[in-house]
Amino acid sequence: MHDSPDHSPEDATSAQSPLFRKAESVLEANKIRITKDWLGLIISRMDDLDSLESFPTQESIRASVELVEGLAAALRDERILDRFQPGGHYYEQAAQLGFFGDGDTPGLVTLSGNMLALEDSVWMLLLETLRKEDKELLSLVMRLRTALHGIFTASAESYFKRSTSELDRLAHTDPLTGLYNRRFMMRELERHCEMYKRYRHKFSILMLDLDNLKAVNDTHGHQAGDAALKHLAMLLKVNVRDVDIACRLGGDEFIVLMPETEQSVVQVVGDRISTSLAKTKLKVEGGLVSLEVSVGDASCPTHGTETNQLLEEADASLYRSKQSRTKGREAANGHSAI
């Protein structure tokens, strides 16, 4: 176990207190009992094999005993409390006990309850040895502590939920455009394909490619290219429904998943976005730039019921659109030359 350093009586702020000395002696003499009572209480609350199998290892049991030793040492010398703060020895030992919860929000509540059980095992032992007036004071402290523990747990749980929600959002969001990223879209496509197979919920996807992004980057710089991508993303947000899922696949490719939508409706939305983009000019250093987009689409089950089938059809449809626009532009240029 960890040996606490010896300090002279004048260095120990509570050395003259008989109550502190008595409590220290009780904790030190009963550290094994406290640990057994505490871990036994946790085991008694478990009702499944997985929890039992993941219960503390021998190292964590040693850490538990050492923490009780630290509590006793802190009663002898108040400066020991510093070792329970971040970076301190007992703080590091306590970190080994974090797996007493299961890692999700209910686990956070479980962890809090388990820490409360440790306190109970300490206080109940001390109550057995204290005088009547000291017992009343300790009972008062325990009652207030239980209420304060509930306040802390509720606050920690709320913070955990907000932090987890934000991390989840960042993990599924394209940082440039604010749309969902490829990973999120692939998961949603798989989910919607399964929903069709089970419940026959049709859906369609709209695929878009910003045709002249390379030219914008080469001529005006990547900052202008980023502005073009963000502009197209803004048009997607404006022109699709709240239930639709807009995503940047990567580079200059975008996709929108549209639940309960026929192919004809998707094509109308695609035309609307293409027209809106053609009517706007992107302001860049040195002037204005016209933006062009090619659009493709696919529908489930018309073009398949698997993710790869739908993506291949949407990509082929987009390619046909791009070729058609190129031929149309060439024909217009040839007509003008005549």
C-alpha atoms as a PDB file:
ATOM      1  CA  MET A   1       0.000   0.000   0.000  1.00  0.00           C
ATOM      2  CA  HIS A   2       0.980   3.619  -0.359  1.00  0.00           C
ATOM      3  CA  ASP A   3       2.891   4.942   2.644  1.00  0.00           C
ATOM      4  CA  SER A   4       1.879   8.374   3.877  1.00  0.00           C
ATOM      5  CA  PRO A   5       4.741  10.682   4.862  1.00  0.00           C
ATOM      6  CA  ASP A   6       5.314  11.470   8.510  1.00  0.00           C
ATOM      7  CA  HIS A   7       4.767  15.038   9.614  1.00  0.00           C
ATOM      8  CA  SER A   8       5.504  16.684  12.902  1.00  0.00           C
ATOM      9  CA  PRO A   9       2.508  17.559  15.164  1.00  0.00           C
ATOM     10  CA  GLU A  10       2.948  21.244  14.481  1.00  0.00           C
ATOM     11  CA  ASP A  11       2.614  20.605  10.729  1.00  0.00           C
ATOM     12  CA  ALA A  12      -0.642  18.628  11.059  1.00  0.00           C
ATOM     13  CA  THR A  13      -3.546  21.038  11.322  1.00  0.00           C
ATOM     14  CA  SER A  14      -5.832  18.529  13.062  1.00  0.00           C
ATOM     15  CA  ALA A  15      -3.297  16.628  15.184  1.00  0.00           C
ATOM     16  CA  GLN A  16      -4.683  17.972  18.458  1.00  0.00           C
ATOM     17  CA  SER A  17      -8.272  16.893  17.765  1.00  0.00           C
ATOM     18  CA  PRO A  18      -9.262  13.710  19.663  1.00  0.00           C
ATOM     19  CA  LEU A  19     -12.196  13.217  17.308  1.00  0.00           C
ATOM     20  CA  PHE A  20      -9.942  13.318  14.246  1.00  0.00           C
ATOM     21  CA  ARG A  21      -7.436  10.964  15.861  1.00  0.00           C
ATOM     22  CA  LYS A  22     -10.172   8.517  16.784  1.00  0.00           C
ATOM     23  CA  ALA A  23     -11.701   8.591  13.307  1.00  0.00           C
ATOM     24  CA  GLU A  24      -8.267   8.102  11.739  1.00  0.00           C
ATOM     25  CA  SER A  25      -7.631   5.098  13.939  1.00  0.00           C
ATOM     26  CA  VAL A  26     -11.010   3.555  13.099  1.00  0.00           C
ATOM     27  CA  LEU A  27     -10.505   3.986   9.343  1.00  0.00           C
ATOM     28  CA  GLU A  28      -6.987   2.601   9.380  1.00  0.00           C
ATOM     29  CA  ALA A  29      -7.951  -0.410  11.476  1.00  0.00           C
ATOM     30  CA  ASN A  30     -11.018  -1.225   9.385  1.00  0.00           C
ATOM     31  CA  LYS A  31      -9.862  -0.411   5.843  1.00  0.00           C
ATOM     32  CA  ILE A  32     -10.383  -4.008   4.677  1.00  0.00           C
ATOM     33  CA  ARG A  33     -13.847  -4.167   6.233  1.00  0.00           C
ATOM     34  CA  ILE A  34     -14.879  -0.878   4.616  1.00  0.00           C
ATOM     35  CA  THR A  35     -13.707  -2.090   1.218  1.00  0.00           C
ATOM     36  CA  LYS A  36     -15.491  -5.431   1.581  1.00  0.00           C
ATOM     37  CA  ASP A  37     -18.724  -3.788   2.752  1.00  0.00           C
ATOM     38  CA  TRP A  38     -18.585  -1.291  -0.102  1.00  0.00           C
ATOM     39  CA  LEU A  39     -17.865  -3.760  -2.890  1.00  0.00           C
ATOM     40  CA  GLY A  40     -20.333  -6.222  -1.366  1.00  0.00           C
ATOM     41  CA  LEU A  41     -23.077  -3.602  -1.527  1.00  0.00           C
ATOM     42  CA  ILE A  42     -22.303  -2.972  -5.202  1.00  0.00           C
ATOM     43  CA  ILE A  43     -22.406  -6.708  -5.971  1.00  0.00           C
ATOM     44  CA  SER A  44     -25.759  -7.051  -4.207  1.00  0.00           C
ATOM     45  CA  ARG A  45     -27.255  -4.534  -6.641  1.00  0.00           C
ATOM     46  CA  MET A  46     -26.131  -6.389  -9.757  1.00  0.00           C
ATOM     47  CA  ASP A  47     -28.716  -8.512 -11.510  1.00  0.00           C
ATOM     48  CA  ASP A  48     -26.945  -9.660 -14.679  1.00  0.00           C
ATOM     49  CA  LEU A  49     -23.915 -11.786 -15.511  1.00  0.00           C
ATOM     50  CA  ASP A  50     -22.207  -9.156 -17.675  1.00  0.00           C
ATOM     51  CA  SER A  51     -21.993  -6.714 -14.772  1.00  0.00           C
ATOM     52  CA  LEU A  52     -20.533  -9.387 -12.502  1.00  0.00           C
ATOM     53  CA  GLU A  53     -17.966 -10.443 -15.104  1.00  0.00           C
ATOM     54  CA  SER A  54     -16.787  -6.857 -15.540  1.00  0.00           C
ATOM     55  CA  PHE A  55     -16.543  -6.229 -11.812  1.00  0.00           C
ATOM     56  CA  PRO A  56     -13.331  -4.663 -10.421  1.00  0.00           C
ATOM     57  CA  THR A  57     -10.011  -6.437 -10.862  1.00  0.00           C
ATOM     58  CA  GLN A  58      -7.488  -7.153  -8.152  1.00  0.00           C
ATOM     59  CA  GLU A  59      -5.720  -3.880  -8.972  1.00  0.00           C
ATOM     60  CA  SER A  60      -8.885  -1.865  -8.437  1.00  0.00           C
ATOM     61  CA  ILE A  61      -9.540  -3.615  -5.114  1.00  0.00           C
ATOM     62  CA  ARG A  62      -6.048  -2.623  -3.977  1.00  0.00           C
ATOM     63  CA  ALA A  63      -6.779   0.924  -5.110  1.00  0.00           C
ATOM     64  CA  SER A  64      -9.996   0.906  -3.062  1.00  0.00           C
ATOM     65  CA  VAL A  65      -8.123  -0.084   0.102  1.00  0.00           C
ATOM     66  CA  GLU A  66      -5.444   2.508  -0.564  1.00  0.00           C
ATOM     67  CA  LEU A  67      -8.081   5.226  -0.918  1.00  0.00           C
ATOM     68  CA  VAL A  68      -9.417   4.367   2.534  1.00  0.00           C
ATOM     69  CA  GLU A  69      -5.839   4.688   3.810  1.00  0.00           C
ATOM     70  CA  GLY A  70      -5.708   8.089   2.146  1.00  0.00           C
ATOM     71  CA  LEU A  71      -8.889   9.148   3.934  1.00  0.00           C
ATOM     72  CA  ALA A  72      -7.328   8.198   7.249  1.00  0.00           C
ATOM     73  CA  ALA A  73      -4.120  10.054   6.393  1.00  0.00           C
ATOM     74  CA  ALA A  74      -6.099  13.187   5.519  1.00  0.00           C
ATOM     75  CA  LEU A  75      -7.553  13.199   9.031  1.00  0.00           C
ATOM     76  CA  ARG A  76      -4.013  13.257  10.390  1.00  0.00           C
ATOM     77  CA  ASP A  77      -2.730  15.913   7.988  1.00  0.00           C
ATOM     78  CA  GLU A  78      -5.021  18.249   6.049  1.00  0.00           C
ATOM     79  CA  ARG A  79      -2.384  18.683   3.343  1.00  0.00           C
ATOM     80  CA  ILE A  80      -3.054  15.104   2.237  1.00  0.00           C
ATOM     81  CA  LEU A  81      -6.282  16.445   0.713  1.00  0.00           C
ATOM     82  CA  ASP A  82      -4.149  17.890  -2.103  1.00  0.00           C
ATOM     83  CA  ARG A  83      -3.451  14.329  -3.220  1.00  0.00           C
ATOM     84  CA  PHE A  84      -7.158  13.859  -3.904  1.00  0.00           C
ATOM     85  CA  GLN A  85      -7.073  16.718  -6.447  1.00  0.00           C
ATOM     86  CA  PRO A  86      -6.259  16.321 -10.187  1.00  0.00           C
ATOM     87  CA  GLY A  87      -2.671  15.136 -10.568  1.00  0.00           C
ATOM     88  CA  GLY A  88      -2.485  13.810  -7.028  1.00  0.00           C
ATOM     89  CA  HIS A  89      -1.757  10.196  -6.104  1.00  0.00           C
ATOM     90  CA  TYR A  90      -5.172   9.389  -4.657  1.00  0.00           C
ATOM     91  CA  TYR A  91      -6.899  11.132  -7.560  1.00  0.00           C
ATOM     92  CA  GLU A  92      -5.097   8.778  -9.942  1.00  0.00           C
ATOM     93  CA  GLN A  93      -6.047   5.789  -7.801  1.00  0.00           C
ATOM     94  CA  ALA A  94      -9.698   6.861  -7.802  1.00  0.00           C
ATOM     95  CA  ALA A  95      -9.619   7.042 -11.616  1.00  0.00           C
ATOM     96  CA  GLN A  96      -9.303   3.239 -11.650  1.00  0.00           C
ATOM     97  CA  LEU A  97     -12.794   2.995 -10.180  1.00  0.00           C
ATOM     98  CA  GLY A  98     -14.496   4.793 -13.079  1.00  0.00           C
ATOM     99  CA  PHE A  99     -15.624   1.544 -14.704  1.00  0.00           C
ATOM    100  CA  PHE A 100     -18.072   0.919 -11.861  1.00  0.00           C
ATOM    101  CA  GLY A 101     -20.567   2.552 -14.224  1.00  0.00           C
ATOM    102  CA  ASP A 102     -21.232   1.238 -17.743  1.00  0.00           C
ATOM    103  CA  GLY A 103     -20.265   4.374 -19.699  1.00  0.00           C
ATOM    104  CA  ASP A 104     -23.674   5.709 -20.718  1.00  0.00           C
ATOM    105  CA  THR A 105     -26.006   8.090 -18.934  1.00  0.00           C
ATOM    106  CA  PRO A 106     -27.648   5.450 -16.693  1.00  0.00           C
ATOM    107  CA  GLY A 107     -24.104   4.238 -15.972  1.00  0.00           C
ATOM    108  CA  LEU A 108     -23.231   7.714 -14.737  1.00  0.00           C
ATOM    109  CA  VAL A 109     -26.093   7.482 -12.251  1.00  0.00           C
ATOM    110  CA  THR A 110     -24.921   3.990 -11.228  1.00  0.00           C
ATOM    111  CA  LEU A 111     -21.386   5.266 -10.734  1.00  0.00           C
ATOM    112  CA  SER A 112     -22.660   8.089  -8.532  1.00  0.00           C
ATOM    113  CA  GLY A 113     -24.672   5.610  -6.474  1.00  0.00           C
ATOM    114  CA  ASN A 114     -21.625   3.391  -6.059  1.00  0.00           C
ATOM    115  CA  MET A 115     -19.545   6.309  -4.811  1.00  0.00           C
ATOM    116  CA  LEU A 116     -22.330   7.151  -2.382  1.00  0.00           C
ATOM    117  CA  ALA A 117     -22.147   3.564  -1.143  1.00  0.00           C
ATOM    118  CA  LEU A 118     -18.459   4.048  -0.353  1.00  0.00           C
ATOM    119  CA  GLU A 119     -19.322   7.073   1.747  1.00  0.00           C
ATOM    120  CA  ASP A 120     -22.063   5.115   3.512  1.00  0.00           C
ATOM    121  CA  SER A 121     -19.657   2.307   4.396  1.00  0.00           C
ATOM    122  CA  VAL A 122     -17.273   4.849   5.946  1.00  0.00           C
ATOM    123  CA  TRP A 123     -19.911   6.838   7.837  1.00  0.00           C
ATOM    124  CA  MET A 124     -21.712   3.788   9.200  1.00  0.00           C
ATOM    125  CA  LEU A 125     -18.469   2.443  10.638  1.00  0.00           C
ATOM    126  CA  LEU A 126     -17.707   5.775  12.288  1.00  0.00           C
ATOM    127  CA  LEU A 127     -21.214   5.982  13.716  1.00  0.00           C
ATOM    128  CA  GLU A 128     -20.581   2.757  15.624  1.00  0.00           C
ATOM    129  CA  THR A 129     -17.656   4.307  17.513  1.00  0.00           C
ATOM    130  CA  LEU A 130     -18.740   7.905  18.134  1.00  0.00           C
ATOM    131  CA  ARG A 131     -20.383   9.444  21.181  1.00  0.00           C
ATOM    132  CA  LYS A 132     -24.085  10.283  21.045  1.00  0.00           C
ATOM    133  CA  GLU A 133     -23.567  13.994  20.323  1.00  0.00           C
ATOM    134  CA  ASP A 134     -21.027  13.184  17.615  1.00  0.00           C
ATOM    135  CA  LYS A 135     -23.435  10.680  16.068  1.00  0.00           C
ATOM    136  CA  GLU A 136     -26.135  13.345  15.808  1.00  0.00           C
ATOM    137  CA  LEU A 137     -23.741  15.702  14.053  1.00  0.00           C
ATOM    138  CA  LEU A 138     -22.594  12.988  11.662  1.00  0.00           C
ATOM    139  CA  SER A 139     -26.204  11.994  10.929  1.00  0.00           C
ATOM    140  CA  LEU A 140     -26.893  15.620  10.011  1.00  0.00           C
ATOM    141  CA  VAL A 141     -23.875  15.662   7.682  1.00  0.00           C
ATOM    142  CA  MET A 142     -24.935  12.378   6.062  1.00  0.00           C
ATOM    143  CA  ARG A 143     -28.457  13.601   5.391  1.00  0.00           C
ATOM    144  CA  LEU A 144     -27.237  16.820   3.770  1.00  0.00           C
ATOM    145  CA  ARG A 145     -24.560  14.896   1.865  1.00  0.00           C
ATOM    146  CA  THR A 146     -27.164  12.585   0.311  1.00  0.00           C
ATOM    147  CA  ALA A 147     -29.146  15.562  -0.973  1.00  0.00           C
ATOM    148  CA  LEU A 148     -26.016  17.301  -2.277  1.00  0.00           C
ATOM    149  CA  HIS A 149     -24.974  14.072  -3.980  1.00  0.00           C
ATOM    150  CA  GLY A 150     -28.284  14.082  -5.860  1.00  0.00           C
ATOM    151  CA  ILE A 151     -27.661  17.659  -7.011  1.00  0.00           C
ATOM    152  CA  PHE A 152     -24.202  16.747  -8.263  1.00  0.00           C
ATOM    153  CA  THR A 153     -25.433  13.626 -10.073  1.00  0.00           C
ATOM    154  CA  ALA A 154     -28.224  15.518 -11.844  1.00  0.00           C
ATOM    155  CA  SER A 155     -25.809  18.259 -12.939  1.00  0.00           C
ATOM    156  CA  ALA A 156     -23.200  15.754 -14.143  1.00  0.00           C
ATOM    157  CA  GLU A 157     -25.822  13.750 -16.045  1.00  0.00           C
ATOM    158  CA  SER A 158     -27.098  16.889 -17.803  1.00  0.00           C
ATOM    159  CA  TYR A 159     -23.568  17.927 -18.743  1.00  0.00           C
ATOM    160  CA  PHE A 160     -22.815  14.407 -20.000  1.00  0.00           C
ATOM    161  CA  LYS A 161     -25.883  14.448 -22.259  1.00  0.00           C
ATOM    162  CA  ARG A 162     -24.997  17.832 -23.761  1.00  0.00           C
ATOM    163  CA  SER A 163     -21.362  16.850 -24.322  1.00  0.00           C
ATOM    164  CA  THR A 164     -22.287  13.530 -25.910  1.00  0.00           C
ATOM    165  CA  SER A 165     -24.843  15.208 -28.180  1.00  0.00           C
ATOM    166  CA  GLU A 166     -22.269  17.747 -29.372  1.00  0.00           C
ATOM    167  CA  LEU A 167     -19.618  15.085 -29.994  1.00  0.00           C
ATOM    168  CA  ASP A 168     -22.142  13.037 -31.955  1.00  0.00           C
ATOM    169  CA  ARG A 169     -23.037  16.075 -34.063  1.00  0.00           C
ATOM    170  CA  LEU A 170     -19.377  16.813 -34.837  1.00  0.00           C
ATOM    171  CA  ALA A 171     -18.710  13.173 -35.746  1.00  0.00           C
ATOM    172  CA  HIS A 172     -21.463  13.235 -38.398  1.00  0.00           C
ATOM    173  CA  THR A 173     -21.070  16.759 -39.782  1.00  0.00           C
ATOM    174  CA  ASP A 174     -19.002  18.103 -42.662  1.00  0.00           C
ATOM    175  CA  PRO A 175     -17.002  20.952 -41.074  1.00  0.00           C
ATOM    176  CA  LEU A 176     -17.027  23.180 -44.173  1.00  0.00           C
ATOM    177  CA  THR A 177     -20.687  23.126 -45.184  1.00  0.00           C
ATOM    178  CA  GLY A 178     -22.434  22.107 -41.972  1.00  0.00           C
ATOM    179  CA  LEU A 179     -24.224  19.298 -43.839  1.00  0.00           C
ATOM    180  CA  TYR A 180     -24.036  15.673 -42.777  1.00  0.00           C
ATOM    181  CA  ASN A 181     -20.907  13.792 -43.848  1.00  0.00           C
ATOM    182  CA  ARG A 182     -20.433  10.632 -45.909  1.00  0.00           C
ATOM    183  CA  ARG A 183     -20.332   8.305 -42.895  1.00  0.00           C
ATOM    184  CA  PHE A 184     -23.709   9.498 -41.667  1.00  0.00           C
ATOM    185  CA  MET A 185     -25.283   9.291 -45.129  1.00  0.00           C
ATOM    186  CA  MET A 186     -24.107   5.743 -45.743  1.00  0.00           C
ATOM    187  CA  ARG A 187     -25.611   4.679 -42.441  1.00  0.00           C
ATOM    188  CA  GLU A 188     -28.902   6.391 -43.280  1.00  0.00           C
ATOM    189  CA  LEU A 189     -29.039   4.814 -46.721  1.00  0.00           C
ATOM    190  CA  GLU A 190     -28.568   1.372 -45.192  1.00  0.00           C
ATOM    191  CA  ARG A 191     -31.264   2.113 -42.637  1.00  0.00           C
ATOM    192  CA  HIS A 192     -33.759   3.313 -45.256  1.00  0.00           C
ATOM    193  CA  CYS A 193     -33.081   0.291 -47.442  1.00  0.00           C
ATOM    194  CA  GLU A 194     -33.903  -1.934 -44.474  1.00  0.00           C
ATOM    195  CA  MET A 195     -37.030   0.102 -43.761  1.00  0.00           C
ATOM    196  CA  TYR A 196     -38.206  -0.467 -47.325  1.00  0.00           C
ATOM    197  CA  LYS A 197     -37.640  -4.224 -47.050  1.00  0.00           C
ATOM    198  CA  ARG A 198     -39.618  -4.398 -43.814  1.00  0.00           C
ATOM    199  CA  TYR A 199     -42.306  -1.730 -44.198  1.00  0.00           C
ATOM    200  CA  ARG A 200     -42.231  -0.841 -47.916  1.00  0.00           C
ATOM    201  CA  HIS A 201     -41.359   2.807 -47.258  1.00  0.00           C
ATOM    202  CA  LYS A 202     -40.162   4.179 -50.594  1.00  0.00           C
ATOM    203  CA  PHE A 203     -37.484   6.843 -50.848  1.00  0.00           C
ATOM    204  CA  SER A 204     -35.309   8.583 -53.423  1.00  0.00           C
ATOM    205  CA  ILE A 205     -31.886  10.162 -53.525  1.00  0.00           C
ATOM    206  CA  LEU A 206     -30.697  13.259 -55.325  1.00  0.00           C
ATOM    207  CA  MET A 207     -27.024  13.462 -56.313  1.00  0.00           C
ATOM    208  CA  LEU A 208     -25.329  16.726 -57.286  1.00  0.00           C
ATOM    209  CA  ASP A 209     -21.890  17.599 -58.627  1.00  0.00           C
ATOM    210  CA  LEU A 210     -20.523  21.150 -58.678  1.00  0.00           C
ATOM    211  CA  ASP A 211     -19.182  21.097 -62.241  1.00  0.00           C
ATOM    212  CA  ASN A 212     -16.797  24.038 -62.297  1.00  0.00           C
ATOM    213  CA  LEU A 213     -15.320  23.770 -58.794  1.00  0.00           C
ATOM    214  CA  LYS A 214     -11.859  22.915 -60.165  1.00  0.00           C
ATOM    215  CA  ALA A 215     -11.924  25.938 -62.450  1.00  0.00           C
ATOM    216  CA  VAL A 216     -12.947  28.180 -59.550  1.00  0.00           C
ATOM    217  CA  ASN A 217     -10.139  26.772 -57.388  1.00  0.00           C
ATOM    218  CA  ASP A 218      -7.532  27.115 -60.173  1.00  0.00           C
ATOM    219  CA  THR A 219      -8.575  30.635 -61.156  1.00  0.00           C
ATOM    220  CA  HIS A 220      -9.597  32.262 -57.894  1.00  0.00           C
ATOM    221  CA  GLY A 221      -8.065  30.067 -55.176  1.00  0.00           C
ATOM    222  CA  HIS A 222      -9.367  27.485 -52.730  1.00  0.00           C
ATOM    223  CA  GLN A 223     -11.027  30.110 -50.565  1.00  0.00           C
ATOM    224  CA  ALA A 224     -13.344  30.904 -53.470  1.00  0.00           C
ATOM    225  CA  GLY A 225     -13.885  27.173 -53.997  1.00  0.00           C
ATOM    226  CA  ASP A 226     -14.895  26.767 -50.371  1.00  0.00           C
ATOM    227  CA  ALA A 227     -17.326  29.664 -50.750  1.00  0.00           C
ATOM    228  CA  ALA A 228     -18.849  27.926 -53.804  1.00  0.00           C
ATOM    229  CA  LEU A 229     -19.338  24.690 -51.844  1.00  0.00           C
ATOM    230  CA  LYS A 230     -20.949  26.542 -48.948  1.00  0.00           C
ATOM    231  CA  HIS A 231     -23.228  28.390 -51.353  1.00  0.00           C
ATOM    232  CA  LEU A 232     -24.481  25.142 -52.882  1.00  0.00           C
ATOM    233  CA  ALA A 233     -24.973  23.688 -49.396  1.00  0.00           C
ATOM    234  CA  MET A 234     -27.093  26.720 -48.490  1.00  0.00           C
ATOM    235  CA  LEU A 235     -29.273  26.173 -51.568  1.00  0.00           C
ATOM    236  CA  LEU A 236     -29.761  22.543 -50.577  1.00  0.00           C
ATOM    237  CA  LYS A 237     -30.929  23.539 -47.105  1.00  0.00           C
ATOM    238  CA  VAL A 238     -33.370  26.074 -48.535  1.00  0.00           C
ATOM    239  CA  ASN A 239     -34.867  23.777 -51.169  1.00  0.00           C
ATOM    240  CA  VAL A 240     -35.343  20.494 -49.266  1.00  0.00           C
ATOM    241  CA  ARG A 241     -37.739  19.527 -46.488  1.00  0.00           C
ATOM    242  CA  ASP A 242     -36.883  19.155 -42.829  1.00  0.00           C
ATOM    243  CA  VAL A 243     -37.255  15.377 -43.138  1.00  0.00           C
ATOM    244  CA  ASP A 244     -34.787  15.218 -46.025  1.00  0.00           C
ATOM    245  CA  ILE A 245     -31.140  14.471 -45.234  1.00  0.00           C
ATOM    246  CA  ALA A 246     -28.591  16.606 -47.091  1.00  0.00           C
ATOM    247  CA  CYS A 247     -24.983  15.462 -47.117  1.00  0.00           C
ATOM    248  CA  ARG A 248     -21.628  16.336 -48.636  1.00  0.00           C
ATOM    249  CA  LEU A 249     -20.161  13.070 -49.895  1.00  0.00           C
ATOM    250  CA  GLY A 250     -16.769  14.662 -50.363  1.00  0.00           C
ATOM    251  CA  GLY A 251     -15.028  16.992 -52.810  1.00  0.00           C
ATOM    252  CA  ASP A 252     -17.657  18.548 -55.077  1.00  0.00           C
ATOM    253  CA  GLU A 253     -20.279  15.791 -54.603  1.00  0.00           C
ATOM    254  CA  PHE A 254     -23.484  16.171 -52.608  1.00  0.00           C
ATOM    255  CA  ILE A 255     -26.437  13.885 -51.987  1.00  0.00           C
ATOM    256  CA  VAL A 256     -29.905  14.341 -50.527  1.00  0.00           C
ATOM    257  CA  LEU A 257     -31.936  11.418 -49.163  1.00  0.00           C
ATOM    258  CA  MET A 258     -35.668  12.118 -49.497  1.00  0.00           C
ATOM    259  CA  PRO A 259     -37.995   9.733 -47.592  1.00  0.00           C
ATOM    260  CA  GLU A 260     -41.425   8.849 -49.012  1.00  0.00           C
ATOM    261  CA  THR A 261     -40.613  10.639 -52.275  1.00  0.00           C
ATOM    262  CA  GLU A 262     -41.164   9.514 -55.879  1.00  0.00           C
ATOM    263  CA  GLN A 263     -38.507   9.982 -58.556  1.00  0.00           C
ATOM    264  CA  SER A 264     -40.533  12.632 -60.384  1.00  0.00           C
ATOM    265  CA  VAL A 265     -40.623  14.828 -57.284  1.00  0.00           C
ATOM    266  CA  VAL A 266     -36.880  14.446 -56.750  1.00  0.00           C
ATOM    267  CA  GLN A 267     -36.248  15.558 -60.318  1.00  0.00           C
ATOM    268  CA  VAL A 268     -38.314  18.693 -59.751  1.00  0.00           C
ATOM    269  CA  VAL A 269     -36.268  19.521 -56.654  1.00  0.00           C
ATOM    270  CA  GLY A 270     -33.042  18.912 -58.572  1.00  0.00           C
ATOM    271  CA  ASP A 271     -34.135  21.221 -61.390  1.00  0.00           C
ATOM    272  CA  ARG A 272     -35.085  23.890 -58.855  1.00  0.00           C
ATOM    273  CA  ILE A 273     -31.672  23.760 -57.190  1.00  0.00           C
ATOM    274  CA  SER A 274     -29.873  23.795 -60.538  1.00  0.00           C
ATOM    275  CA  THR A 275     -31.901  26.808 -61.719  1.00  0.00           C
ATOM    276  CA  SER A 276     -31.336  28.693 -58.461  1.00  0.00           C
ATOM    277  CA  LEU A 277     -27.589  28.121 -58.693  1.00  0.00           C
ATOM    278  CA  ALA A 278     -27.471  29.237 -62.334  1.00  0.00           C
ATOM    279  CA  LYS A 279     -29.265  32.491 -61.481  1.00  0.00           C
ATOM    280  CA  THR A 280     -26.816  33.463 -58.763  1.00  0.00           C
ATOM    281  CA  LYS A 281     -23.299  34.787 -59.060  1.00  0.00           C
ATOM    282  CA  LEU A 282     -20.579  34.015 -56.529  1.00  0.00           C
ATOM    283  CA  LYS A 283     -18.669  37.101 -55.499  1.00  0.00           C
ATOM    284  CA  VAL A 284     -14.928  36.467 -55.525  1.00  0.00           C
ATOM    285  CA  GLU A 285     -11.883  38.637 -55.537  1.00  0.00           C
ATOM    286  CA  GLY A 286     -11.766  40.228 -58.932  1.00  0.00           C
ATOM    287  CA  GLY A 287     -15.392  39.785 -59.948  1.00  0.00           C
ATOM    288  CA  LEU A 288     -18.347  37.417 -60.094  1.00  0.00           C
ATOM    289  CA  VAL A 289     -18.361  33.713 -60.956  1.00  0.00           C
ATOM    290  CA  SER A 290     -21.187  31.630 -62.401  1.00  0.00           C
ATOM    291  CA  LEU A 291     -21.673  28.194 -60.832  1.00  0.00           C
ATOM    292  CA  GLU A 292     -22.979  25.084 -62.549  1.00  0.00           C
ATOM    293  CA  VAL A 293     -24.252  21.818 -61.132  1.00  0.00           C
ATOM    294  CA  SER A 294     -25.101  18.452 -62.647  1.00  0.00           C
ATOM    295  CA  VAL A 295     -27.924  16.475 -61.063  1.00  0.00           C
ATOM    296  CA  GLY A 296     -28.726  12.762 -60.930  1.00  0.00           C
ATOM    297  CA  ASP A 297     -31.255  10.699 -59.022  1.00  0.00           C
ATOM    298  CA  ALA A 298     -32.348   7.197 -58.094  1.00  0.00           C
ATOM    299  CA  SER A 299     -35.362   5.723 -56.323  1.00  0.00           C
ATOM    300  CA  CYS A 300     -36.011   2.724 -54.134  1.00  0.00           C
ATOM    301  CA  PRO A 301     -37.322   0.232 -55.228  1.00  0.00           C
ATOM    302  CA  THR A 302     -37.353   1.341 -58.901  1.00  0.00           C
ATOM    303  CA  HIS A 303     -33.565   1.228 -59.209  1.00  0.00           C
ATOM    304  CA  GLY A 304     -32.835  -1.290 -56.486  1.00  0.00           C
ATOM    305  CA  THR A 305     -33.186  -1.947 -52.802  1.00  0.00           C
ATOM    306  CA  GLU A 306     -29.496  -1.940 -51.873  1.00  0.00           C
ATOM    307  CA  THR A 307     -27.296   1.057 -51.127  1.00  0.00           C
ATOM    308  CA  ASN A 308     -24.714   0.293 -53.800  1.00  0.00           C
ATOM    309  CA  GLN A 309     -27.407  -0.151 -56.478  1.00  0.00           C
ATOM    310  CA  LEU A 310     -28.970   3.216 -55.717  1.00  0.00           C
ATOM    311  CA  LEU A 311     -25.640   5.048 -55.584  1.00  0.00           C
ATOM    312  CA  GLU A 312     -24.539   3.517 -58.888  1.00  0.00           C
ATOM    313  CA  GLU A 313     -27.789   4.528 -60.595  1.00  0.00           C
ATOM    314  CA  ALA A 314     -27.666   8.057 -59.161  1.00  0.00           C
ATOM    315  CA  ASP A 315     -24.059   8.401 -60.303  1.00  0.00           C
ATOM    316  CA  ALA A 316     -24.929   7.105 -63.788  1.00  0.00           C
ATOM    317  CA  SER A 317     -27.890   9.481 -63.944  1.00  0.00           C
ATOM    318  CA  LEU A 318     -25.637  12.372 -62.932  1.00  0.00           C
ATOM    319  CA  TYR A 319     -23.120  11.413 -65.624  1.00  0.00           C
ATOM    320  CA  ARG A 320     -25.866  11.372 -68.259  1.00  0.00           C
ATOM    321  CA  SER A 321     -26.962  14.809 -67.103  1.00  0.00           C
ATOM    322  CA  LYS A 322     -23.410  16.110 -67.323  1.00  0.00           C
ATOM    323  CA  GLN A 323     -22.960  14.683 -70.822  1.00  0.00           C
ATOM    324  CA  SER A 324     -26.269  16.125 -71.962  1.00  0.00           C
ATOM    325  CA  ARG A 325     -25.359  19.592 -70.686  1.00  0.00           C
ATOM    326  CA  THR A 326     -21.933  19.372 -72.340  1.00  0.00           C
ATOM    327  CA  LYS A 327     -23.469  18.404 -75.704  1.00  0.00           C
ATOM    328  CA  GLY A 328     -26.029  21.153 -75.377  1.00  0.00           C
ATOM    329  CA  ARG A 329     -23.299  23.709 -74.700  1.00  0.00           C
ATOM    330  CA  GLU A 330     -21.252  22.465 -77.665  1.00  0.00           C
ATOM    331  CA  ALA A 331     -24.286  22.598 -79.946  1.00  0.00           C
ATOM    332  CA  ALA A 332     -25.044  26.158 -78.821  1.00  0.00           C
ATOM    333  CA  ASN A 333     -21.468  27.215 -79.430  1.00  0.00           C
ATOM    334  CA  GLY A 334     -21.491  25.611 -82.882  1.00  0.00           C
ATOM    335  CA  HIS A 335     -24.749  27.341 -83.761  1.00  0.00           C
ATOM    336  CA  SER A 336     -23.305  30.679 -82.678  1.00  0.00           C
ATOM    337  CA  ALA A 337     -20.216  30.121 -84.820  1.00  0.00           C
ATOM    338  CA  ILE A 338     -22.400  29.592 -87.881  1.00  0.00           C
END
